Amino acid sequence: DKVIDAKGNVVVPGFVDTHHHHRESLARGMADDVSLPVLCERLYPFDAAISEQDMYLSAMLSCIEHIRLGTTCSLDPGGPHMDAVGQAIADSGLRGMISYFGADFFTKDIKESQDARAVPEYMARRSTEEVLAEEERLFRRWNGAAGGRIRFCYGLHRDVQVSPRLFKEIKRLADRDGTIIQMHGAVTPERAQWFRKTHGLPLVEFLES
C-alpha cells in the first residue's frame, strides 16, 4: 500500500466546478474590465474564430489547472467544438459533464435585455431541428464515454434566445434520456424583465409551467 503522510493538511473530496467554460481559458483578459453586454460583444468574434484544435488546447489548459487545484469534475454549459472539449476531458483523466449551447431564437428587438441582442451574422445560427439534432448527436457520442467519466446533459444557451418549442423539446429529450438541463438564466435584471414581458411569466415560473 502507498501511505501518504497528511499531517498538518486538510483532506477533502475532489472539488466540482458546476459552471466552467473550457473555451475561455484562451480568452482570458479579453473582457475582464467590462460589463456583460460588452463581454458578449468581445466573445462572439472569439467563438466564431476559434478552431477545433484551439478548443482542445483551451480545454486541456482548463483540465491541467483543475488537476493542480484539486478539481476532479467540471460541468461545461456549452460552446463551439464540444467534441474537442469532451476529448480533452477524456485525455486528462478527469470527470466532466458537457453540454451544448442550444439557441434557436434570434431577433434584433431585445433592447431591454442589452446583451441579448441578435447574434452577429458570422455566428452559426441553427434552426430548432438543427439544434435538437446536434444535442442528440452529442448525447450519443459523449454520455458514458471514457469509461463513464464523461456525461452529457442537454443545454440551452440563455433564456432570451430559446423559443418556447425548444424549451419543450429539450425537456422531452432530457426526460427521455434521464439527464439534466442547464442554461444561463435571469443573469441580469434587464434580461429578467425582457423575458417576463415577452413570455408573460418570470423565467422560473415559465419553466415550471
Protein backbone atom coordinates (compact mmCIF):
# COMPACT_ATOMS: atom_id res chain seq x y z
CA ASP A 1 0.00 0.00 0.00
CA LYS A 2 1.05 3.58 -0.59
CA VAL A 3 0.87 5.69 2.56
CA ILE A 4 0.65 9.48 2.31
CA ASP A 5 1.57 11.49 5.39
CA ALA A 6 -1.08 14.23 5.52
CA LYS A 7 -0.21 15.65 8.92
CA GLY A 8 -0.89 19.35 9.06
CA ASN A 9 -3.07 19.24 5.97
CA VAL A 10 -6.79 19.11 5.31
CA VAL A 11 -8.06 16.13 3.30
CA VAL A 12 -11.20 16.86 1.27
CA PRO A 13 -13.03 15.22 -1.64
CA GLY A 14 -12.26 16.49 -5.11
CA PHE A 15 -13.90 19.80 -5.89
CA VAL A 16 -16.66 20.04 -8.52
CA ASP A 17 -16.83 23.13 -10.74
CA THR A 18 -20.50 23.39 -11.67
CA HIS A 19 -20.14 26.05 -14.37
CA HIS A 20 -16.92 26.18 -16.33
CA HIS A 21 -16.47 27.37 -19.92
CA HIS A 22 -13.44 25.45 -21.16
CA ARG A 23 -13.17 27.72 -24.19
CA GLU A 24 -12.48 30.77 -22.05
CA SER A 25 -9.03 29.64 -20.91
CA LEU A 26 -7.73 31.15 -24.15
CA ALA A 27 -9.96 34.21 -23.81
CA ARG A 28 -8.56 35.49 -20.55
CA GLY A 29 -8.05 39.21 -20.39
CA MET A 30 -10.39 39.91 -23.30
CA ALA A 31 -13.23 41.24 -21.17
CA ASP A 32 -12.16 41.32 -17.52
CA ASP A 33 -12.74 45.07 -17.30
CA VAL A 34 -16.15 45.43 -18.94
CA SER A 35 -19.84 44.86 -18.33
CA LEU A 36 -21.70 41.79 -19.51
CA PRO A 37 -23.03 43.32 -22.76
CA VAL A 38 -19.52 44.34 -23.87
CA LEU A 39 -18.14 40.99 -22.72
CA CYS A 40 -20.53 39.23 -25.11
CA GLU A 41 -19.54 41.57 -27.93
CA ARG A 42 -15.92 40.56 -27.43
CA LEU A 43 -16.56 36.84 -27.00
CA TYR A 44 -18.76 36.46 -30.10
CA PRO A 45 -15.87 37.06 -32.52
CA PHE A 46 -13.68 34.75 -30.42
CA ASP A 47 -16.27 31.97 -30.61
CA ALA A 48 -16.60 32.43 -34.34
CA ALA A 49 -12.84 32.25 -34.92
CA ILE A 50 -11.68 29.50 -32.55
CA SER A 51 -10.70 26.27 -34.32
CA GLU A 52 -11.33 22.76 -33.08
CA GLN A 53 -7.63 22.37 -32.23
CA ASP A 54 -7.65 25.69 -30.37
CA MET A 55 -10.66 24.50 -28.42
CA TYR A 56 -8.91 21.27 -27.47
CA LEU A 57 -5.87 23.19 -26.22
CA SER A 58 -8.04 25.63 -24.27
CA ALA A 59 -9.94 22.76 -22.67
CA MET A 60 -6.74 20.89 -21.86
CA LEU A 61 -5.35 24.01 -20.16
CA SER A 62 -8.51 24.10 -18.05
CA CYS A 63 -8.10 20.44 -17.17
CA ILE A 64 -4.47 20.92 -16.13
CA GLU A 65 -5.46 23.80 -13.87
CA HIS A 66 -8.32 21.77 -12.40
CA ILE A 67 -5.93 18.96 -11.52
CA ARG A 68 -3.46 21.40 -9.97
CA LEU A 69 -6.17 22.99 -7.82
CA GLY A 70 -7.95 19.83 -6.73
CA THR A 71 -10.99 19.98 -9.02
CA THR A 72 -11.84 16.49 -10.25
CA CYS A 73 -15.08 17.18 -12.13
CA SER A 74 -16.47 20.12 -14.09
CA LEU A 75 -19.65 20.99 -15.95
CA ASP A 76 -19.33 22.91 -19.23
CA PRO A 77 -22.53 24.69 -20.35
CA GLY A 78 -21.53 24.56 -24.00
CA GLY A 79 -19.73 26.41 -26.74
CA PRO A 80 -18.20 25.72 -30.14
CA HIS A 81 -16.48 22.39 -30.85
CA MET A 82 -17.80 20.45 -27.85
CA ASP A 83 -16.30 17.25 -29.25
CA ALA A 84 -12.88 18.80 -28.63
CA VAL A 85 -13.85 19.60 -25.05
CA GLY A 86 -15.02 16.05 -24.48
CA GLN A 87 -11.78 14.69 -25.91
CA ALA A 88 -9.65 16.90 -23.67
CA ILE A 89 -11.53 15.77 -20.58
CA ALA A 90 -11.16 12.15 -21.68
CA ASP A 91 -7.43 12.54 -22.29
CA SER A 92 -6.85 14.32 -18.98
CA GLY A 93 -8.33 11.56 -16.84
CA LEU A 94 -10.79 13.92 -15.17
CA ARG A 95 -14.54 13.56 -14.86
CA GLY A 96 -16.84 16.00 -16.57
CA MET A 97 -20.26 16.82 -17.90
CA ILE A 98 -20.54 18.67 -21.19
CA SER A 99 -23.47 20.34 -22.86
CA TYR A 100 -24.44 22.32 -25.95
CA PHE A 101 -25.45 25.98 -26.18
CA GLY A 102 -28.80 25.42 -27.85
CA ALA A 103 -30.33 28.59 -29.29
CA ASP A 104 -32.95 28.99 -32.00
CA PHE A 105 -34.43 32.42 -31.32
CA PHE A 106 -32.64 35.38 -32.91
CA THR A 107 -34.15 38.83 -33.03
CA LYS A 108 -32.93 42.39 -33.23
CA ASP A 109 -35.71 43.59 -30.93
CA ILE A 110 -34.33 42.73 -27.50
CA LYS A 111 -33.36 46.23 -26.44
CA GLU A 112 -34.40 45.80 -22.81
CA SER A 113 -32.12 42.82 -22.50
CA GLN A 114 -28.99 44.68 -23.64
CA ASP A 115 -26.58 41.76 -24.10
CA ALA A 116 -29.32 39.56 -25.54
CA ARG A 117 -29.17 41.43 -28.83
CA ALA A 118 -29.05 39.42 -32.01
CA VAL A 119 -26.12 37.10 -32.56
CA PRO A 120 -23.90 38.55 -35.31
CA GLU A 121 -24.15 37.20 -38.81
CA TYR A 122 -20.77 35.46 -38.61
CA MET A 123 -22.02 33.22 -35.81
CA ALA A 124 -23.69 29.97 -36.75
CA ARG A 125 -27.44 30.21 -36.47
CA ARG A 126 -29.30 26.92 -36.29
CA SER A 127 -32.96 26.09 -36.59
CA THR A 128 -34.82 24.26 -33.84
CA GLU A 129 -34.42 20.99 -35.75
CA GLU A 130 -30.68 21.52 -36.22
CA VAL A 131 -30.18 22.32 -32.53
CA LEU A 132 -32.06 19.20 -31.45
CA ALA A 133 -30.13 17.01 -33.89
CA GLU A 134 -26.78 18.30 -32.61
CA GLU A 135 -27.81 17.83 -28.98
CA GLU A 136 -28.85 14.23 -29.63
CA ARG A 137 -25.63 13.54 -31.55
CA LEU A 138 -23.51 14.82 -28.68
CA PHE A 139 -25.53 12.79 -26.19
CA ARG A 140 -24.92 9.60 -28.16
CA ARG A 141 -21.22 10.39 -28.55
CA TRP A 142 -20.32 11.51 -25.03
CA ASN A 143 -22.81 10.29 -22.47
CA GLY A 144 -21.00 7.49 -20.65
CA ALA A 145 -17.77 7.97 -22.62
CA ALA A 146 -14.27 7.42 -21.20
CA GLY A 147 -15.38 4.56 -19.00
CA GLY A 148 -18.29 6.56 -17.63
CA ARG A 149 -16.18 9.58 -16.62
CA ILE A 150 -17.98 11.86 -19.08
CA ARG A 151 -21.67 12.57 -19.26
CA PHE A 152 -23.78 14.82 -21.45
CA CYS A 153 -26.66 16.99 -20.40
CA TYR A 154 -28.99 18.89 -22.69
CA GLY A 155 -28.32 22.60 -22.83
CA LEU A 156 -29.92 25.92 -23.69
CA HIS A 157 -27.60 28.84 -24.33
CA ARG A 158 -29.53 31.53 -22.50
CA ASP A 159 -33.19 32.15 -21.73
CA VAL A 160 -33.60 35.07 -24.12
CA GLN A 161 -32.50 33.06 -27.17
CA VAL A 162 -34.70 30.00 -26.75
CA SER A 163 -38.10 29.56 -28.40
CA PRO A 164 -40.99 28.03 -26.43
CA ARG A 165 -40.78 25.00 -28.70
CA LEU A 166 -37.08 24.43 -27.98
CA PHE A 167 -37.74 24.71 -24.23
CA LYS A 168 -40.32 21.93 -24.54
CA GLU A 169 -38.30 19.70 -26.85
CA ILE A 170 -35.16 19.88 -24.71
CA LYS A 171 -37.23 18.96 -21.65
CA ARG A 172 -38.65 16.00 -23.57
CA LEU A 173 -35.19 14.76 -24.55
CA ALA A 174 -33.79 15.17 -21.03
CA ASP A 175 -36.71 13.22 -19.57
CA ARG A 176 -36.34 10.52 -22.19
CA ASP A 177 -32.60 10.10 -21.62
CA GLY A 178 -32.57 10.60 -17.85
CA THR A 179 -30.25 13.59 -17.76
CA ILE A 180 -30.41 17.21 -16.65
CA ILE A 181 -30.73 20.53 -18.46
CA GLN A 182 -28.50 23.52 -17.94
CA MET A 183 -28.76 27.07 -19.16
CA HIS A 184 -27.90 30.68 -18.40
CA GLY A 185 -31.00 32.30 -16.95
CA ALA A 186 -32.01 35.67 -15.48
CA VAL A 187 -28.37 36.76 -15.49
CA THR A 188 -29.21 40.47 -15.40
CA PRO A 189 -32.29 42.45 -14.31
CA GLU A 190 -32.72 43.57 -17.92
CA ARG A 191 -32.84 40.00 -19.19
CA ALA A 192 -35.33 39.02 -16.49
CA GLN A 193 -37.59 41.96 -17.33
CA TRP A 194 -37.43 41.22 -21.07
CA PHE A 195 -38.25 37.56 -20.51
CA ARG A 196 -41.26 38.33 -18.34
CA LYS A 197 -42.56 40.91 -20.83
CA THR A 198 -42.13 38.52 -23.76
CA HIS A 199 -43.39 35.28 -22.23
CA GLY A 200 -45.81 36.57 -19.60
CA LEU A 201 -44.06 34.90 -16.67
CA PRO A 202 -40.76 35.17 -14.84
CA LEU A 203 -38.24 32.58 -16.04
CA VAL A 204 -38.56 30.10 -13.17
CA GLU A 205 -42.37 30.17 -13.29
CA PHE A 206 -42.24 29.81 -17.07
CA LEU A 207 -40.04 26.72 -16.74
CA GLU A 208 -42.38 25.25 -14.12
CA SER A 209 -45.32 25.76 -16.46
